[in-house]
C-alpha atoms as a PDB file:
ATOM      1  CA  MET A   1      50.650  -0.237  26.729  1.00  0.00           C
ATOM      2  CA  GLU A   2      54.222  -1.476  25.902  1.00  0.00           C
ATOM      3  CA  GLN A   3      54.474  -3.252  22.566  1.00  0.00           C
ATOM      4  CA  GLN A   4      56.522  -6.647  22.858  1.00  0.00           C
ATOM      5  CA  GLN A   5      58.931  -7.558  19.822  1.00  0.00           C
ATOM      6  CA  PRO A   6      59.755 -11.315  19.460  1.00  0.00           C
ATOM      7  CA  ASP A   7      63.307 -12.301  19.893  1.00  0.00           C
ATOM      8  CA  GLN A   8      65.442 -12.005  17.139  1.00  0.00           C
ATOM      9  CA  TYR A   9      68.470 -14.302  16.739  1.00  0.00           C
ATOM     10  CA  TYR A  10      70.981 -13.909  13.842  1.00  0.00           C
ATOM     11  CA  ILE A  11      71.707 -17.451  11.920  1.00  0.00           C
ATOM     12  CA  PRO A  12      75.324 -17.994  10.894  1.00  0.00           C
ATOM     13  CA  ASP A  13      76.153 -19.126   7.416  1.00  0.00           C
ATOM     14  CA  ASN A  14      77.753 -22.199   8.124  1.00  0.00           C
ATOM     15  CA  TYR A  15      74.640 -23.605   9.922  1.00  0.00           C
ATOM     16  CA  SER A  16      72.368 -24.131   6.933  1.00  0.00           C
ATOM     17  CA  ASP A  17      71.164 -27.639   5.714  1.00  0.00           C
ATOM     18  CA  GLU A  18      72.007 -26.933   1.891  1.00  0.00           C
ATOM     19  CA  HIS A  19      73.714 -30.312   1.431  1.00  0.00           C
ATOM     20  CA  GLN A  20      71.293 -32.378   3.051  1.00  0.00           C
ATOM     21  CA  PHE A  21      68.050 -34.040   2.942  1.00  0.00           C
ATOM     22  CA  ARG A  22      66.557 -34.357   6.260  1.00  0.00           C
ATOM     23  CA  GLY A  23      69.829 -34.559   8.194  1.00  0.00           C
ATOM     24  CA  ILE A  24      71.305 -36.844   5.810  1.00  0.00           C
ATOM     25  CA  PRO A  25      74.070 -35.987   3.733  1.00  0.00           C
ATOM     26  CA  TYR A  26      73.426 -36.281  -0.249  1.00  0.00           C
ATOM     27  CA  ARG A  27      76.630 -38.070  -0.536  1.00  0.00           C
ATOM     28  CA  ASN A  28      75.517 -40.593   1.862  1.00  0.00           C
ATOM     29  CA  ILE A  29      72.233 -40.953   0.273  1.00  0.00           C
ATOM     30  CA  ILE A  30      73.773 -41.374  -3.307  1.00  0.00           C
ATOM     31  CA  GLU A  31      76.197 -44.055  -2.099  1.00  0.00           C
ATOM     32  CA  ALA A  32      73.476 -45.723  -0.021  1.00  0.00           C
ATOM     33  CA  LEU A  33      71.541 -45.946  -3.559  1.00  0.00           C
ATOM     34  CA  ILE A  34      74.257 -47.298  -5.416  1.00  0.00           C
ATOM     35  CA  VAL A  35      75.319 -50.059  -3.011  1.00  0.00           C
ATOM     36  CA  VAL A  36      71.623 -51.138  -2.773  1.00  0.00           C
ATOM     37  CA  TYR A  37      70.905 -51.510  -6.400  1.00  0.00           C
ATOM     38  CA  VAL A  38      74.022 -53.456  -7.061  1.00  0.00           C
ATOM     39  CA  PHE A  39      73.462 -55.976  -4.239  1.00  0.00           C
ATOM     40  CA  TYR A  40      69.849 -55.917  -5.310  1.00  0.00           C
ATOM     41  CA  LYS A  41      70.873 -56.992  -8.827  1.00  0.00           C
ATOM     42  CA  LEU A  42      73.138 -59.581  -7.603  1.00  0.00           C
ATOM     43  CA  ILE A  43      70.490 -61.315  -5.536  1.00  0.00           C
ATOM     44  CA  GLN A  44      68.135 -61.022  -8.022  1.00  0.00           C
ATOM     45  CA  ALA A  45      70.669 -63.035 -10.343  1.00  0.00           C
ATOM     46  CA  THR A  46      70.711 -66.108  -8.186  1.00  0.00           C
ATOM     47  CA  PRO A  47      68.685 -68.922  -8.883  1.00  0.00           C
ATOM     48  CA  PHE A  48      66.553 -69.064  -5.844  1.00  0.00           C
ATOM     49  CA  VAL A  49      62.682 -69.240  -4.940  1.00  0.00           C
ATOM     50  CA  LEU A  50      61.043 -65.468  -5.345  1.00  0.00           C
ATOM     51  CA  SER A  51      60.335 -65.712  -1.601  1.00  0.00           C
ATOM     52  CA  ILE A  52      64.080 -66.311  -0.435  1.00  0.00           C
ATOM     53  CA  ARG A  53      65.294 -63.736  -2.921  1.00  0.00           C
ATOM     54  CA  LEU A  54      62.958 -61.037  -1.500  1.00  0.00           C
ATOM     55  CA  THR A  55      64.042 -61.962   2.017  1.00  0.00           C
ATOM     56  CA  ALA A  56      67.498 -61.947   1.173  1.00  0.00           C
ATOM     57  CA  VAL A  57      67.014 -58.392  -0.663  1.00  0.00           C
ATOM     58  CA  LEU A  58      65.292 -57.109   2.453  1.00  0.00           C
ATOM     59  CA  ILE A  59      67.762 -58.204   5.062  1.00  0.00           C
ATOM     60  CA  VAL A  60      70.939 -57.367   2.891  1.00  0.00           C
ATOM     61  CA  CYS A  61      69.869 -54.338   1.165  1.00  0.00           C
ATOM     62  CA  GLY A  62      68.091 -52.874   4.178  1.00  0.00           C
ATOM     63  CA  GLY A  63      70.733 -53.277   6.320  1.00  0.00           C
ATOM     64  CA  LEU A  64      73.394 -52.249   3.971  1.00  0.00           C
ATOM     65  CA  GLY A  65      71.218 -49.268   3.087  1.00  0.00           C
ATOM     66  CA  VAL A  66      70.887 -48.163   6.787  1.00  0.00           C
ATOM     67  CA  PHE A  67      74.702 -48.501   7.193  1.00  0.00           C
ATOM     68  CA  PHE A  68      75.657 -46.443   4.039  1.00  0.00           C
ATOM     69  CA  LEU A  69      73.128 -43.475   5.011  1.00  0.00           C
ATOM     70  CA  ILE A  70      74.459 -43.250   8.614  1.00  0.00           C
ATOM     71  CA  GLY A  71      77.889 -43.474   7.724  1.00  0.00           C
ATOM     72  CA  ILE A  72      80.900 -43.771   9.959  1.00  0.00           C
ATOM     73  CA  LYS A  73      82.277 -41.217  12.389  1.00  0.00           C
ATOM     74  CA  GLY A  74      80.337 -38.541  10.949  1.00  0.00           C
ATOM     75  CA  GLU A  75      81.719 -39.415   6.950  1.00  0.00           C
ATOM     76  CA  SER A  76      80.578 -41.433   4.493  1.00  0.00           C
ATOM     77  CA  VAL A  77      81.953 -44.872   4.260  1.00  0.00           C
ATOM     78  CA  THR A  78      83.830 -43.984   0.796  1.00  0.00           C
ATOM     79  CA  GLN A  79      85.530 -41.135   2.646  1.00  0.00           C
ATOM     80  CA  PHE A  80      85.976 -43.185   5.630  1.00  0.00           C
ATOM     81  CA  PHE A  81      87.729 -45.874   3.594  1.00  0.00           C
ATOM     82  CA  LEU A  82      90.101 -43.363   1.665  1.00  0.00           C
ATOM     83  CA  SER A  83      91.069 -41.731   4.466  1.00  0.00           C
ATOM     84  CA  PHE A  84      91.794 -44.942   6.116  1.00  0.00           C
ATOM     85  CA  LEU A  85      93.780 -46.234   3.045  1.00  0.00           C
ATOM     86  CA  LYS A  86      95.828 -42.584   3.380  1.00  0.00           C
ATOM     87  CA  TYR A  87      96.463 -43.263   6.826  1.00  0.00           C
ATOM     88  CA  ARG A  88      97.714 -47.031   6.184  1.00  0.00           C
ATOM     89  CA  GLU A  89      99.768 -45.459   3.325  1.00  0.00           C
ATOM     90  CA  ASN A  90     101.319 -42.861   5.758  1.00  0.00           C
ATOM     91  CA  LYS A  91     101.676 -44.715   9.006  1.00  0.00           C
ATOM     92  CA  LYS A  92     104.302 -44.100  11.206  1.00  0.00           C
ATOM     93  CA  THR A  93     105.715 -46.635  13.804  1.00  0.00           C
ATOM     94  CA  TYR A  94     107.967 -45.161  16.616  1.00  0.00           C
ATOM     95  CA  HIS A  95     109.854 -47.610  19.191  1.00  0.00           C
ATOM     96  CA  LEU A  96     112.846 -47.183  21.230  1.00  0.00           C
ATOM     97  CA  ARG A  97     116.270 -48.397  20.592  1.00  0.00           C
ATOM     98  CA  PRO A  98     117.971 -50.957  23.099  1.00  0.00           C
ATOM     99  CA  VAL A  99     120.908 -49.473  25.043  1.00  0.00           C
ATOM    100  CA  GLY A 100     124.195 -49.321  23.095  1.00  0.00           C
ATOM    101  CA  TYR A 101     122.197 -49.371  19.655  1.00  0.00           C
ATOM    102  CA  LYS A 102     123.978 -47.697  16.902  1.00  0.00           C
ATOM    103  CA  THR A 103     122.938 -46.320  13.195  1.00  0.00           C
ATOM    104  CA  ALA A 104     124.869 -47.531  10.093  1.00  0.00           C
ATOM    105  CA  LYS A 105     126.272 -43.966  10.060  1.00  0.00           C
ATOM    106  CA  GLU A 106     127.320 -43.849  13.503  1.00  0.00           C
ATOM    107  CA  LYS A 107     128.921 -47.683  13.042  1.00  0.00           C
ATOM    108  CA  LYS A 108     130.932 -46.018   9.825  1.00  0.00           C
ATOM    109  CA  ARG A 109     132.022 -43.019  11.942  1.00  0.00           C
ATOM    110  CA  GLU A 110     133.508 -45.429  14.843  1.00  0.00           C
ATOM    111  CA  ASP A 111     135.595 -47.413  11.896  1.00  0.00           C
ATOM    112  CA  LYS A 112     136.839 -44.304  10.838  1.00  0.00           C
ATOM    113  CA  ASN A 113     138.131 -43.332  14.081  1.00  0.00           C
ATOM    114  CA  ASP A 114     139.447 -46.589  14.721  1.00  0.00           C
ATOM    115  CA  LYS A 115     141.366 -46.682  11.717  1.00  0.00           C
ATOM    116  CA  PHE A 116     142.691 -42.945  12.597  1.00  0.00           C
ATOM    117  CA  LYS A 117     143.662 -44.283  15.980  1.00  0.00           C
ATOM    118  CA  LYS A 118     145.636 -47.231  14.847  1.00  0.00           C
ATOM    119  CA  ALA A 119     147.200 -44.941  11.907  1.00  0.00           C
ATOM    120  CA  ILE A 120     148.300 -42.690  14.941  1.00  0.00           C
ATOM    121  CA  LYS A 121     149.421 -45.354  16.876  1.00  0.00           C
ATOM    122  CA  GLY A 122     151.417 -46.899  14.356  1.00  0.00           C
ATOM    123  CA  SER A 123     152.805 -43.669  13.423  1.00  0.00           C
ATOM    124  CA  LYS A 124     153.927 -42.903  17.127  1.00  0.00           C
ATOM    125  CA  GLU A 125     155.721 -46.127  16.758  1.00  0.00           C
ATOM    126  CA  LYS A 126     157.501 -45.277  13.842  1.00  0.00           C
ATOM    127  CA  VAL A 127     158.657 -42.213  15.362  1.00  0.00           C
ATOM    128  CA  LYS A 128     160.140 -43.795  18.473  1.00  0.00           C
ATOM    129  CA  GLU A 129     161.764 -45.991  16.421  1.00  0.00           C
ATOM    130  CA  ILE A 130     163.365 -43.281  14.254  1.00  0.00           C
ATOM    131  CA  THR A 131     164.206 -41.065  17.233  1.00  0.00           C
ATOM    132  CA  GLY A 132     165.947 -44.009  18.868  1.00  0.00           C
ATOM    133  CA  ILE A 133     167.995 -44.697  16.061  1.00  0.00           C
ATOM    134  CA  PHE A 134     169.052 -40.673  16.597  1.00  0.00           C
ATOM    135  CA  ARG A 135     170.060 -41.199  20.004  1.00  0.00           C
ATOM    136  CA  THR A 136     172.236 -43.872  19.720  1.00  0.00           C
END
């Protein structure tokens, strides 16, 4: 009888979950712990009754913890925030110019051409005057 061999598959190196704990990146876990701890201390410093403080801790810290654990668009919250700031810093705006719009460089070149044309026109008139003198 023929022996059946189990199917064997090659698992690529980039498939490993070394930088994750149960599918959550370590960076997100650390950020969540830091943010939750800071807000926990802030809420505990308020002069409210214990039951109100515990409710606030559960609602605020729970929500923030989940938000920081999940992240935004596959990134941790701080990575997303830093990439957003980088985008805002390097943001480019493109717009169409109106018809007939000229840049300062084009205007300067046009002014030089106008001055040159006026100089040529004036010199032609002077040449006509001088040649008129010699013709008589």
